[in-house]
Amino acid sequence: ATAHGFRDVELEEQVLELTRRSGIGAQFGGKYFCHDVRVV
C-alpha cells in the first residue's frame, strides 16, 4: 500500500516464454529473441 515499484518475476518468465515462441530468435529465426525479461 506504500505504492513502491516492484518486479513481477512470474510475468517475466511468462513474457520470456512468449518471446521464445515468436520464432524470431537471435536475428534469423529460433528461440533466443531475448536472453531475459524484466517487468517492473
Full PDB file with SEQRES, HELIX, SHEET, SSBOND, CRYST1, ORIGX, SCALE, CONECT and MASTER records, all heavy atoms in Angstrom:
SEQRES   1 A   40  ALA THR ALA HIS GLY PHE ARG ASP VAL GLU LEU GLU GLU          
SEQRES   2 A   40  GLN VAL LEU GLU LEU THR ARG ARG SER GLY ILE GLY ALA          
SEQRES   3 A   40  GLN PHE GLY GLY LYS TYR PHE CYS HIS ASP VAL ARG VAL          
SEQRES   4 A   40  VAL                                                          
HELIX    1 AA1 VAL A    9  ARG A   21  1                                  13    
CRYST1    1.000    1.000    1.000  90.00  90.00  90.00 P 1           1          
ORIGX1      1.000000  0.000000  0.000000        0.00000                         
ORIGX2      0.000000  1.000000  0.000000        0.00000                         
ORIGX3      0.000000  0.000000  1.000000        0.00000                         
SCALE1      1.000000  0.000000  0.000000        0.00000                         
SCALE2      0.000000  1.000000  0.000000        0.00000                         
SCALE3      0.000000  0.000000  1.000000        0.00000                         
ATOM      1  N   ALA A   1       0.811  -1.214   0.000  1.00  0.00           N  
ATOM      2  CA  ALA A   1       0.000   0.000   0.000  1.00  0.00           C  
ATOM      3  C   ALA A   1       0.844   1.263   0.000  1.00  0.00           C  
ATOM      4  O   ALA A   1       0.315   2.361  -0.234  1.00  0.00           O  
ATOM      5  CB  ALA A   1      -0.935   0.001   1.211  1.00  0.00           C  
ATOM      6  N   THR A   2       2.155   1.144   0.253  1.00  0.00           N  
ATOM      7  CA  THR A   2       3.025   2.333   0.185  1.00  0.00           C  
ATOM      8  C   THR A   2       3.369   2.704  -1.243  1.00  0.00           C  
ATOM      9  O   THR A   2       4.044   3.697  -1.485  1.00  0.00           O  
ATOM     10  CB  THR A   2       4.310   2.108   0.981  1.00  0.00           C  
ATOM     11  OG1 THR A   2       4.975   0.934   0.496  1.00  0.00           O  
ATOM     12  CG2 THR A   2       4.009   1.945   2.465  1.00  0.00           C  
ATOM     13  N   ALA A   3       2.922   1.889  -2.198  1.00  0.00           N  
ATOM     14  CA  ALA A   3       2.980   2.233  -3.628  1.00  0.00           C  
ATOM     15  C   ALA A   3       4.387   2.267  -4.204  1.00  0.00           C  
ATOM     16  O   ALA A   3       4.660   3.026  -5.126  1.00  0.00           O  
ATOM     17  CB  ALA A   3       2.275   3.569  -3.896  1.00  0.00           C  
ATOM     18  N   HIS A   4       5.281   1.442  -3.692  1.00  0.00           N  
ATOM     19  CA  HIS A   4       6.610   1.347  -4.298  1.00  0.00           C  
ATOM     20  C   HIS A   4       6.558   0.459  -5.539  1.00  0.00           C  
ATOM     21  O   HIS A   4       5.640  -0.349  -5.714  1.00  0.00           O  
ATOM     22  CB  HIS A   4       7.616   0.778  -3.293  1.00  0.00           C  
ATOM     23  CG  HIS A   4       7.280  -0.603  -2.813  1.00  0.00           C  
ATOM     24  ND1 HIS A   4       7.469  -1.742  -3.578  1.00  0.00           N  
ATOM     25  CD2 HIS A   4       6.747  -1.029  -1.631  1.00  0.00           C  
ATOM     26  CE1 HIS A   4       7.089  -2.804  -2.912  1.00  0.00           C  
ATOM     27  NE2 HIS A   4       6.637  -2.395  -1.717  1.00  0.00           N  
ATOM     28  N   GLY A   5       7.555   0.606  -6.391  1.00  0.00           N  
ATOM     29  CA  GLY A   5       7.655  -0.256  -7.554  1.00  0.00           C  
ATOM     30  C   GLY A   5       8.163  -1.640  -7.172  1.00  0.00           C  
ATOM     31  O   GLY A   5       8.822  -1.814  -6.142  1.00  0.00           O  
ATOM     32  N   PHE A   6       7.835  -2.627  -7.985  1.00  0.00           N  
ATOM     33  CA  PHE A   6       8.312  -3.981  -7.720  1.00  0.00           C  
ATOM     34  C   PHE A   6       8.468  -4.749  -9.028  1.00  0.00           C  
ATOM     35  O   PHE A   6       7.899  -4.373 -10.065  1.00  0.00           O  
ATOM     36  CB  PHE A   6       7.372  -4.732  -6.763  1.00  0.00           C  
ATOM     37  CG  PHE A   6       5.993  -5.016  -7.325  1.00  0.00           C  
ATOM     38  CD1 PHE A   6       5.720  -6.193  -8.012  1.00  0.00           C  
ATOM     39  CD2 PHE A   6       4.964  -4.096  -7.153  1.00  0.00           C  
ATOM     40  CE1 PHE A   6       4.446  -6.451  -8.509  1.00  0.00           C  
ATOM     41  CE2 PHE A   6       3.694  -4.347  -7.659  1.00  0.00           C  
ATOM     42  CZ  PHE A   6       3.433  -5.527  -8.348  1.00  0.00           C  
ATOM     43  N   ARG A   7       9.278  -5.800  -8.963  1.00  0.00           N  
ATOM     44  CA  ARG A   7       9.427  -6.711 -10.105  1.00  0.00           C  
ATOM     45  C   ARG A   7       8.386  -7.815 -10.023  1.00  0.00           C  
ATOM     46  O   ARG A   7       8.183  -8.411  -8.964  1.00  0.00           O  
ATOM     47  CB  ARG A   7      10.818  -7.352 -10.107  1.00  0.00           C  
ATOM     48  CG  ARG A   7      11.924  -6.491 -10.620  1.00  0.00           C  
ATOM     49  CD  ARG A   7      13.253  -7.232 -10.579  1.00  0.00           C  
ATOM     50  NE  ARG A   7      13.228  -8.462 -11.371  1.00  0.00           N  
ATOM     51  CZ  ARG A   7      14.181  -9.399 -11.334  1.00  0.00           C  
ATOM     52  NH1 ARG A   7      15.220  -9.243 -10.529  1.00  0.00           N  
ATOM     53  NH2 ARG A   7      14.081 -10.474 -12.082  1.00  0.00           N  
ATOM     54  N   ASP A   8       7.767  -8.103 -11.145  1.00  0.00           N  
ATOM     55  CA  ASP A   8       6.855  -9.252 -11.231  1.00  0.00           C  
ATOM     56  C   ASP A   8       7.623 -10.385 -11.904  1.00  0.00           C  
ATOM     57  O   ASP A   8       7.662 -10.481 -13.137  1.00  0.00           O  
ATOM     58  CB  ASP A   8       5.602  -8.884 -12.025  1.00  0.00           C  
ATOM     59  CG  ASP A   8       4.531  -9.965 -11.974  1.00  0.00           C  
ATOM     60  OD1 ASP A   8       4.902 -11.157 -11.916  1.00  0.00           O  
ATOM     61  OD2 ASP A   8       3.337  -9.626 -11.974  1.00  0.00           O  
ATOM     62  N   VAL A   9       8.246 -11.236 -11.108  1.00  0.00           N  
ATOM     63  CA  VAL A   9       9.124 -12.270 -11.670  1.00  0.00           C  
ATOM     64  C   VAL A   9       8.329 -13.354 -12.386  1.00  0.00           C  
ATOM     65  O   VAL A   9       8.837 -13.990 -13.329  1.00  0.00           O  
ATOM     66  CB  VAL A   9      10.022 -12.876 -10.572  1.00  0.00           C  
ATOM     67  CG1 VAL A   9      11.011 -11.838 -10.059  1.00  0.00           C  
ATOM     68  CG2 VAL A   9       9.199 -13.431  -9.418  1.00  0.00           C  
ATOM     69  N   GLU A  10       7.080 -13.580 -11.974  1.00  0.00           N  
ATOM     70  CA  GLU A  10       6.262 -14.566 -12.682  1.00  0.00           C  
ATOM     71  C   GLU A  10       5.927 -14.082 -14.083  1.00  0.00           C  
ATOM     72  O   GLU A  10       6.013 -14.846 -15.059  1.00  0.00           O  
ATOM     73  CB  GLU A  10       4.989 -14.852 -11.899  1.00  0.00           C  
ATOM     74  CG  GLU A  10       5.215 -15.568 -10.579  1.00  0.00           C  
ATOM     75  CD  GLU A  10       3.908 -15.889  -9.878  1.00  0.00           C  
ATOM     76  OE1 GLU A  10       2.947 -16.276 -10.573  1.00  0.00           O  
ATOM     77  OE2 GLU A  10       3.837 -15.741  -8.658  1.00  0.00           O  
ATOM     78  N   LEU A  11       5.544 -12.824 -14.183  1.00  0.00           N  
ATOM     79  CA  LEU A  11       5.237 -12.284 -15.502  1.00  0.00           C  
ATOM     80  C   LEU A  11       6.496 -12.224 -16.364  1.00  0.00           C  
ATOM     81  O   LEU A  11       6.433 -12.409 -17.585  1.00  0.00           O  
ATOM     82  CB  LEU A  11       4.602 -10.897 -15.372  1.00  0.00           C  
ATOM     83  CG  LEU A  11       4.085 -10.247 -16.654  1.00  0.00           C  
ATOM     84  CD1 LEU A  11       3.126 -11.173 -17.394  1.00  0.00           C  
ATOM     85  CD2 LEU A  11       3.413  -8.914 -16.340  1.00  0.00           C  
ATOM     86  N   GLU A  12       7.639 -11.992 -15.746  1.00  0.00           N  
ATOM     87  CA  GLU A  12       8.893 -12.009 -16.502  1.00  0.00           C  
ATOM     88  C   GLU A  12       9.097 -13.355 -17.199  1.00  0.00           C  
ATOM     89  O   GLU A  12       9.465 -13.406 -18.384  1.00  0.00           O  
ATOM     90  CB  GLU A  12      10.067 -11.724 -15.557  1.00  0.00           C  
ATOM     91  CG  GLU A  12      10.129 -10.292 -15.072  1.00  0.00           C  
ATOM     92  CD  GLU A  12      11.216 -10.057 -14.043  1.00  0.00           C  
ATOM     93  OE1 GLU A  12      11.930 -11.017 -13.681  1.00  0.00           O  
ATOM     94  OE2 GLU A  12      11.362  -8.898 -13.586  1.00  0.00           O  
ATOM     95  N   GLU A  13       8.857 -14.436 -16.483  1.00  0.00           N  
ATOM     96  CA  GLU A  13       9.035 -15.767 -17.073  1.00  0.00           C  
ATOM     97  C   GLU A  13       8.011 -16.022 -18.174  1.00  0.00           C  
ATOM     98  O   GLU A  13       8.321 -16.641 -19.194  1.00  0.00           O  
ATOM     99  CB  GLU A  13       8.926 -16.838 -15.985  1.00  0.00           C  
ATOM    100  CG  GLU A  13      10.115 -16.879 -15.051  1.00  0.00           C  
ATOM    101  CD  GLU A  13      11.403 -17.171 -15.804  1.00  0.00           C  
ATOM    102  OE1 GLU A  13      11.411 -18.080 -16.657  1.00  0.00           O  
ATOM    103  OE2 GLU A  13      12.405 -16.467 -15.553  1.00  0.00           O  
ATOM    104  N   GLN A  14       6.799 -15.557 -17.982  1.00  0.00           N  
ATOM    105  CA  GLN A  14       5.763 -15.779 -18.976  1.00  0.00           C  
ATOM    106  C   GLN A  14       6.046 -14.982 -20.249  1.00  0.00           C  
ATOM    107  O   GLN A  14       5.836 -15.478 -21.370  1.00  0.00           O  
ATOM    108  CB  GLN A  14       4.397 -15.422 -18.383  1.00  0.00           C  
ATOM    109  CG  GLN A  14       3.966 -16.411 -17.310  1.00  0.00           C  
ATOM    110  CD  GLN A  14       2.924 -15.856 -16.367  1.00  0.00           C  
ATOM    111  OE1 GLN A  14       2.704 -14.638 -16.314  1.00  0.00           O  
ATOM    112  NE2 GLN A  14       2.283 -16.723 -15.601  1.00  0.00           N  
ATOM    113  N   VAL A  15       6.519 -13.753 -20.097  1.00  0.00           N  
ATOM    114  CA  VAL A  15       6.854 -12.958 -21.275  1.00  0.00           C  
ATOM    115  C   VAL A  15       8.079 -13.544 -21.976  1.00  0.00           C  
ATOM    116  O   VAL A  15       8.154 -13.558 -23.205  1.00  0.00           O  
ATOM    117  CB  VAL A  15       7.076 -11.484 -20.892  1.00  0.00           C  
ATOM    118  CG1 VAL A  15       7.564 -10.681 -22.099  1.00  0.00           C  
ATOM    119  CG2 VAL A  15       5.792 -10.879 -20.347  1.00  0.00           C  
ATOM    120  N   LEU A  16       9.048 -14.034 -21.211  1.00  0.00           N  
ATOM    121  CA  LEU A  16      10.206 -14.686 -21.829  1.00  0.00           C  
ATOM    122  C   LEU A  16       9.769 -15.876 -22.669  1.00  0.00           C  
ATOM    123  O   LEU A  16      10.259 -16.075 -23.793  1.00  0.00           O  
ATOM    124  CB  LEU A  16      11.197 -15.123 -20.757  1.00  0.00           C  
ATOM    125  CG  LEU A  16      12.471 -15.812 -21.268  1.00  0.00           C  
ATOM    126  CD1 LEU A  16      13.261 -14.889 -22.188  1.00  0.00           C  
ATOM    127  CD2 LEU A  16      13.328 -16.269 -20.096  1.00  0.00           C  
ATOM    128  N   GLU A  17       8.829 -16.664 -22.161  1.00  0.00           N  
ATOM    129  CA  GLU A  17       8.313 -17.786 -22.939  1.00  0.00           C  
ATOM    130  C   GLU A  17       7.607 -17.297 -24.197  1.00  0.00           C  
ATOM    131  O   GLU A  17       7.714 -17.914 -25.268  1.00  0.00           O  
ATOM    132  CB  GLU A  17       7.355 -18.611 -22.081  1.00  0.00           C  
ATOM    133  CG  GLU A  17       6.708 -19.781 -22.797  1.00  0.00           C  
ATOM    134  CD  GLU A  17       7.701 -20.808 -23.327  1.00  0.00           C  
ATOM    135  OE1 GLU A  17       8.833 -20.889 -22.797  1.00  0.00           O  
ATOM    136  OE2 GLU A  17       7.352 -21.524 -24.294  1.00  0.00           O  
ATOM    137  N   LEU A  18       6.908 -16.185 -24.095  1.00  0.00           N  
ATOM    138  CA  LEU A  18       6.256 -15.603 -25.268  1.00  0.00           C  
ATOM    139  C   LEU A  18       7.289 -15.253 -26.337  1.00  0.00           C  
ATOM    140  O   LEU A  18       7.085 -15.530 -27.524  1.00  0.00           O  
ATOM    141  CB  LEU A  18       5.483 -14.352 -24.847  1.00  0.00           C  
ATOM    142  CG  LEU A  18       4.837 -13.524 -25.964  1.00  0.00           C  
ATOM    143  CD1 LEU A  18       3.724 -14.320 -26.622  1.00  0.00           C  
ATOM    144  CD2 LEU A  18       4.294 -12.214 -25.412  1.00  0.00           C  
ATOM    145  N   THR A  19       8.396 -14.644 -25.933  1.00  0.00           N  
ATOM    146  CA  THR A  19       9.429 -14.277 -26.913  1.00  0.00           C  
ATOM    147  C   THR A  19      10.038 -15.510 -27.554  1.00  0.00           C  
ATOM    148  O   THR A  19      10.413 -15.480 -28.728  1.00  0.00           O  
ATOM    149  CB  THR A  19      10.540 -13.435 -26.256  1.00  0.00           C  
ATOM    150  OG1 THR A  19      11.309 -14.231 -25.340  1.00  0.00           O  
ATOM    151  CG2 THR A  19       9.974 -12.234 -25.529  1.00  0.00           C  
ATOM    152  N   ARG A  20      10.144 -16.598 -26.797  1.00  0.00           N  
ATOM    153  CA  ARG A  20      10.733 -17.820 -27.348  1.00  0.00           C  
ATOM    154  C   ARG A  20       9.810 -18.480 -28.356  1.00  0.00           C  
ATOM    155  O   ARG A  20      10.277 -19.148 -29.284  1.00  0.00           O  
ATOM    156  CB  ARG A  20      11.075 -18.777 -26.200  1.00  0.00           C  
ATOM    157  CG  ARG A  20      12.258 -18.289 -25.375  1.00  0.00           C  
ATOM    158  CD  ARG A  20      12.522 -19.160 -24.171  1.00  0.00           C  
ATOM    159  NE  ARG A  20      13.777 -18.771 -23.522  1.00  0.00           N  
ATOM    160  CZ  ARG A  20      14.207 -19.261 -22.376  1.00  0.00           C  
ATOM    161  NH1 ARG A  20      13.471 -20.162 -21.730  1.00  0.00           N  
ATOM    162  NH2 ARG A  20      15.352 -18.854 -21.863  1.00  0.00           N  
ATOM    163  N   ARG A  21       8.516 -18.287 -28.179  1.00  0.00           N  
ATOM    164  CA  ARG A  21       7.553 -18.878 -29.107  1.00  0.00           C  
ATOM    165  C   ARG A  21       7.332 -18.032 -30.354  1.00  0.00           C  
ATOM    166  O   ARG A  21       6.673 -18.464 -31.290  1.00  0.00           O  
ATOM    167  CB  ARG A  21       6.220 -19.096 -28.395  1.00  0.00           C  
ATOM    168  CG  ARG A  21       6.260 -20.196 -27.335  1.00  0.00           C  
ATOM    169  CD  ARG A  21       4.931 -20.366 -26.643  1.00  0.00           C  
ATOM    170  NE  ARG A  21       3.835 -20.580 -27.574  1.00  0.00           N  
ATOM    171  CZ  ARG A  21       2.569 -20.754 -27.197  1.00  0.00           C  
ATOM    172  NH1 ARG A  21       2.256 -20.705 -25.915  1.00  0.00           N  
ATOM    173  NH2 ARG A  21       1.629 -20.942 -28.097  1.00  0.00           N  
ATOM    174  N   SER A  22       7.874 -16.833 -30.376  1.00  0.00           N  
ATOM    175  CA  SER A  22       7.638 -15.942 -31.506  1.00  0.00           C  
ATOM    176  C   SER A  22       8.291 -16.448 -32.788  1.00  0.00           C  
ATOM    177  O   SER A  22       7.832 -16.137 -33.891  1.00  0.00           O  
ATOM    178  CB  SER A  22       8.166 -14.535 -31.191  1.00  0.00           C  
ATOM    179  OG  SER A  22       9.588 -14.531 -31.171  1.00  0.00           O  
ATOM    180  N   GLY A  23       9.395 -17.188 -32.658  1.00  0.00           N  
ATOM    181  CA  GLY A  23      10.108 -17.677 -33.831  1.00  0.00           C  
ATOM    182  C   GLY A  23      11.130 -16.711 -34.389  1.00  0.00           C  
ATOM    183  O   GLY A  23      11.854 -17.046 -35.329  1.00  0.00           O  
ATOM    184  N   ILE A  24      11.227 -15.516 -33.830  1.00  0.00           N  
ATOM    185  CA  ILE A  24      12.180 -14.530 -34.356  1.00  0.00           C  
ATOM    186  C   ILE A  24      13.607 -14.971 -34.068  1.00  0.00           C  
ATOM    187  O   ILE A  24      14.484 -14.895 -34.922  1.00  0.00           O  
ATOM    188  CB  ILE A  24      11.909 -13.139 -33.752  1.00  0.00           C  
ATOM    189  CG1 ILE A  24      10.485 -12.674 -34.092  1.00  0.00           C  
ATOM    190  CG2 ILE A  24      12.931 -12.121 -34.260  1.00  0.00           C  
ATOM    191  CD1 ILE A  24      10.068 -11.396 -33.390  1.00  0.00           C  
ATOM    192  N   GLY A  25      13.836 -15.435 -32.849  1.00  0.00           N  
ATOM    193  CA  GLY A  25      15.158 -15.938 -32.494  1.00  0.00           C  
ATOM    194  C   GLY A  25      16.225 -14.863 -32.448  1.00  0.00           C  
ATOM    195  O   GLY A  25      15.940 -13.663 -32.435  1.00  0.00           O  
ATOM    196  N   ALA A  26      17.463 -15.328 -32.427  1.00  0.00           N  
ATOM    197  CA  ALA A  26      18.614 -14.424 -32.371  1.00  0.00           C  
ATOM    198  C   ALA A  26      18.903 -13.884 -33.764  1.00  0.00           C  
ATOM    199  O   ALA A  26      19.914 -14.216 -34.388  1.00  0.00           O  
ATOM    200  CB  ALA A  26      19.829 -15.142 -31.794  1.00  0.00           C  
ATOM    201  N   GLN A  27      17.940 -13.111 -34.290  1.00  0.00           N  
ATOM    202  CA  GLN A  27      18.054 -12.356 -35.529  1.00  0.00           C  
ATOM    203  C   GLN A  27      17.546 -13.085 -36.774  1.00  0.00           C  
ATOM    204  O   GLN A  27      16.993 -12.460 -37.663  1.00  0.00           O  
ATOM    205  CB  GLN A  27      19.499 -11.871 -35.772  1.00  0.00           C  
ATOM    206  CG  GLN A  27      20.055 -11.074 -34.602  1.00  0.00           C  
ATOM    207  CD  GLN A  27      21.383 -10.426 -34.885  1.00  0.00           C  
ATOM    208  OE1 GLN A  27      21.694 -10.094 -36.019  1.00  0.00           O  
ATOM    209  NE2 GLN A  27      22.173 -10.222 -33.847  1.00  0.00           N  
ATOM    210  N   PHE A  28      17.715 -14.425 -36.868  1.00  0.00           N  
ATOM    211  CA  PHE A  28      17.348 -15.098 -38.117  1.00  0.00           C  
ATOM    212  C   PHE A  28      16.542 -16.367 -37.881  1.00  0.00           C  
ATOM    213  O   PHE A  28      16.661 -17.334 -38.620  1.00  0.00           O  
ATOM    214  CB  PHE A  28      18.604 -15.405 -38.937  1.00  0.00           C  
ATOM    215  CG  PHE A  28      19.409 -14.183 -39.265  1.00  0.00           C  
ATOM    216  CD1 PHE A  28      20.587 -13.915 -38.592  1.00  0.00           C  
ATOM    217  CD2 PHE A  28      18.973 -13.276 -40.213  1.00  0.00           C  
ATOM    218  CE1 PHE A  28      21.324 -12.781 -38.871  1.00  0.00           C  
ATOM    219  CE2 PHE A  28      19.699 -12.131 -40.490  1.00  0.00           C  
ATOM    220  CZ  PHE A  28      20.873 -11.877 -39.827  1.00  0.00           C  
ATOM    221  N   GLY A  29      15.714 -16.358 -36.865  1.00  0.00           N  
ATOM    222  CA  GLY A  29      14.832 -17.479 -36.614  1.00  0.00           C  
ATOM    223  C   GLY A  29      15.328 -18.382 -35.500  1.00  0.00           C  
ATOM    224  O   GLY A  29      16.503 -18.735 -35.450  1.00  0.00           O  
ATOM    225  N   GLY A  30      14.421 -18.728 -34.581  1.00  0.00           N  
ATOM    226  CA  GLY A  30      14.797 -19.621 -33.498  1.00  0.00           C  
ATOM    227  C   GLY A  30      14.117 -19.254 -32.205  1.00  0.00           C  
ATOM    228  O   GLY A  30      13.027 -18.674 -32.177  1.00  0.00           O  
ATOM    229  N   LYS A  31      14.784 -19.549 -31.115  1.00  0.00           N  
ATOM    230  CA  LYS A  31      14.229 -19.431 -29.772  1.00  0.00           C  
ATOM    231  C   LYS A  31      14.667 -18.170 -29.037  1.00  0.00           C  
ATOM    232  O   LYS A  31      13.929 -17.623 -28.222  1.00  0.00           O  
ATOM    233  CB  LYS A  31      14.652 -20.670 -28.977  1.00  0.00           C  
ATOM    234  CG  LYS A  31      14.306 -20.695 -27.509  1.00  0.00           C  
ATOM    235  CD  LYS A  31      14.807 -21.991 -26.875  1.00  0.00           C  
ATOM    236  CE  LYS A  31      14.553 -22.014 -25.369  1.00  0.00           C  
ATOM    237  NZ  LYS A  31      15.084 -23.253 -24.744  1.00  0.00           N  
ATOM    238  N   TYR A  32      15.893 -17.698 -29.314  1.00  0.00           N  
ATOM    239  CA  TYR A  32      16.525 -16.719 -28.442  1.00  0.00           C  
ATOM    240  C   TYR A  32      16.403 -15.282 -28.958  1.00  0.00           C  
ATOM    241  O   TYR A  32      17.391 -14.621 -29.242  1.00  0.00           O  
ATOM    242  CB  TYR A  32      17.985 -17.087 -28.200  1.00  0.00           C  
ATOM    243  CG  TYR A  32      18.117 -18.206 -27.202  1.00  0.00           C  
ATOM    244  CD1 TYR A  32      18.218 -19.526 -27.620  1.00  0.00           C  
ATOM    245  CD2 TYR A  32      18.094 -17.946 -25.843  1.00  0.00           C  
ATOM    246  CE1 TYR A  32      18.310 -20.559 -26.701  1.00  0.00           C  
ATOM    247  CE2 TYR A  32      18.186 -18.964 -24.911  1.00  0.00           C  
ATOM    248  CZ  TYR A  32      18.300 -20.267 -25.342  1.00  0.00           C  
ATOM    249  OH  TYR A  32      18.383 -21.289 -24.435  1.00  0.00           O  
ATOM    250  N   PHE A  33      15.156 -14.792 -29.019  1.00  0.00           N  
ATOM    251  CA  PHE A  33      14.941 -13.377 -29.294  1.00  0.00           C  
ATOM    252  C   PHE A  33      15.386 -12.543 -28.095  1.00  0.00           C  
ATOM    253  O   PHE A  33      15.848 -11.415 -28.248  1.00  0.00           O  
ATOM    254  CB  PHE A  33      13.463 -13.145 -29.598  1.00  0.00           C  
ATOM    255  CG  PHE A  33      13.104 -11.755 -30.043  1.00  0.00           C  
ATOM    256  CD1 PHE A  33      13.815 -11.118 -31.049  1.00  0.00           C  
ATOM    257  CD2 PHE A  33      12.036 -11.084 -29.471  1.00  0.00           C  
ATOM    258  CE1 PHE A  33      13.475  -9.837 -31.468  1.00  0.00           C  
ATOM    259  CE2 PHE A  33      11.684  -9.810 -29.884  1.00  0.00           C  
ATOM    260  CZ  PHE A  33      12.413  -9.183 -30.878  1.00  0.00           C  
ATOM    261  N   CYS A  34      15.223 -13.110 -26.901  1.00  0.00           N  
ATOM    262  CA  CYS A  34      15.614 -12.420 -25.672  1.00  0.00           C  
ATOM    263  C   CYS A  34      16.415 -13.363 -24.778  1.00  0.00           C  
ATOM    264  O   CYS A  34      16.111 -14.545 -24.687  1.00  0.00           O  
ATOM    265  CB  CYS A  34      14.391 -11.931 -24.894  1.00  0.00           C  
ATOM    266  SG  CYS A  34      13.428 -10.654 -25.730  1.00  0.00           S  
ATOM    267  N   HIS A  35      17.420 -12.803 -24.119  1.00  0.00           N  
ATOM    268  CA  HIS A  35      18.113 -13.547 -23.067  1.00  0.00           C  
ATOM    269  C   HIS A  35      17.230 -13.648 -21.834  1.00  0.00           C  
ATOM    270  O   HIS A  35      17.147 -14.691 -21.193  1.00  0.00           O  
ATOM    271  CB  HIS A  35      19.398 -12.824 -22.665  1.00  0.00           C  
ATOM    272  CG  HIS A  35      20.523 -12.967 -23.615  1.00  0.00           C  
ATOM    273  ND1 HIS A  35      21.014 -14.191 -24.015  1.00  0.00           N  
ATOM    274  CD2 HIS A  35      21.284 -12.043 -24.245  1.00  0.00           C  
ATOM    275  CE1 HIS A  35      22.030 -14.012 -24.841  1.00  0.00           C  
ATOM    276  NE2 HIS A  35      22.204 -12.720 -25.004  1.00  0.00           N  
ATOM    277  N   ASP A  36      16.613 -12.523 -21.473  1.00  0.00           N  
ATOM    278  CA  ASP A  36      15.812 -12.453 -20.259  1.00  0.00           C  
ATOM    279  C   ASP A  36      14.865 -11.264 -20.346  1.00  0.00           C  
ATOM    280  O   ASP A  36      14.944 -10.453 -21.278  1.00  0.00           O  
ATOM    281  CB  ASP A  36      16.702 -12.350 -19.013  1.00  0.00           C  
ATOM    282  CG  ASP A  36      17.766 -11.270 -19.115  1.00  0.00           C  
ATOM    283  OD1 ASP A  36      17.459 -10.182 -19.646  1.00  0.00           O  
ATOM    284  OD2 ASP A  36      18.904 -11.493 -18.666  1.00  0.00           O  
ATOM    285  N   VAL A  37      13.977 -11.182 -19.373  1.00  0.00           N  
ATOM    286  CA  VAL A  37      12.961 -10.127 -19.338  1.00  0.00           C  
ATOM    287  C   VAL A  37      12.891  -9.564 -17.921  1.00  0.00           C  
ATOM    288  O   VAL A  37      12.983 -10.307 -16.938  1.00  0.00           O  
ATOM    289  CB  VAL A  37      11.576 -10.678 -19.749  1.00  0.00           C  
ATOM    290  CG1 VAL A  37      10.500  -9.595 -19.623  1.00  0.00           C  
ATOM    291  CG2 VAL A  37      11.612 -11.232 -21.171  1.00  0.00           C  
ATOM    292  N   ARG A  38      12.729  -8.256 -17.811  1.00  0.00           N  
ATOM    293  CA  ARG A  38      12.443  -7.605 -16.549  1.00  0.00           C  
ATOM    294  C   ARG A  38      11.105  -6.874 -16.681  1.00  0.00           C  
ATOM    295  O   ARG A  38      10.906  -6.122 -17.648  1.00  0.00           O  
ATOM    296  CB  ARG A  38      13.540  -6.598 -16.177  1.00  0.00           C  
ATOM    297  CG  ARG A  38      14.899  -7.254 -15.921  1.00  0.00           C  
ATOM    298  CD  ARG A  38      14.881  -8.112 -14.678  1.00  0.00           C  
ATOM    299  NE  ARG A  38      16.167  -8.699 -14.385  1.00  0.00           N  
ATOM    300  CZ  ARG A  38      16.563  -9.920 -14.797  1.00  0.00           C  
ATOM    301  NH1 ARG A  38      15.751 -10.644 -15.547  1.00  0.00           N  
ATOM    302  NH2 ARG A  38      17.744 -10.389 -14.449  1.00  0.00           N  
ATOM    303  N   VAL A  39      10.217  -7.111 -15.731  1.00  0.00           N  
ATOM    304  CA  VAL A  39       8.919  -6.432 -15.703  1.00  0.00           C  
ATOM    305  C   VAL A  39       8.805  -5.693 -14.378  1.00  0.00           C  
ATOM    306  O   VAL A  39       8.893  -6.315 -13.308  1.00  0.00           O  
ATOM    307  CB  VAL A  39       7.749  -7.413 -15.859  1.00  0.00           C  
ATOM    308  CG1 VAL A  39       6.412  -6.658 -15.749  1.00  0.00           C  
ATOM    309  CG2 VAL A  39       7.828  -8.153 -17.185  1.00  0.00           C  
ATOM    310  N   VAL A  40       8.637  -4.389 -14.447  1.00  0.00           N  
ATOM    311  CA  VAL A  40       8.512  -3.550 -13.253  1.00  0.00           C  
ATOM    312  C   VAL A  40       7.121  -2.916 -13.241  1.00  0.00           C  
ATOM    313  O   VAL A  40       6.693  -2.320 -14.234  1.00  0.00           O  
ATOM    314  CB  VAL A  40       9.595  -2.453 -13.224  1.00  0.00           C  
ATOM    315  CG1 VAL A  40       9.396  -1.543 -12.004  1.00  0.00           C  
ATOM    316  CG2 VAL A  40      10.992  -3.080 -13.198  1.00  0.00           C  
TER     317      VAL A  40                                                      
MASTER        0    0    0    1    0    0    0    6  316    1    0    4          
END                                                                             
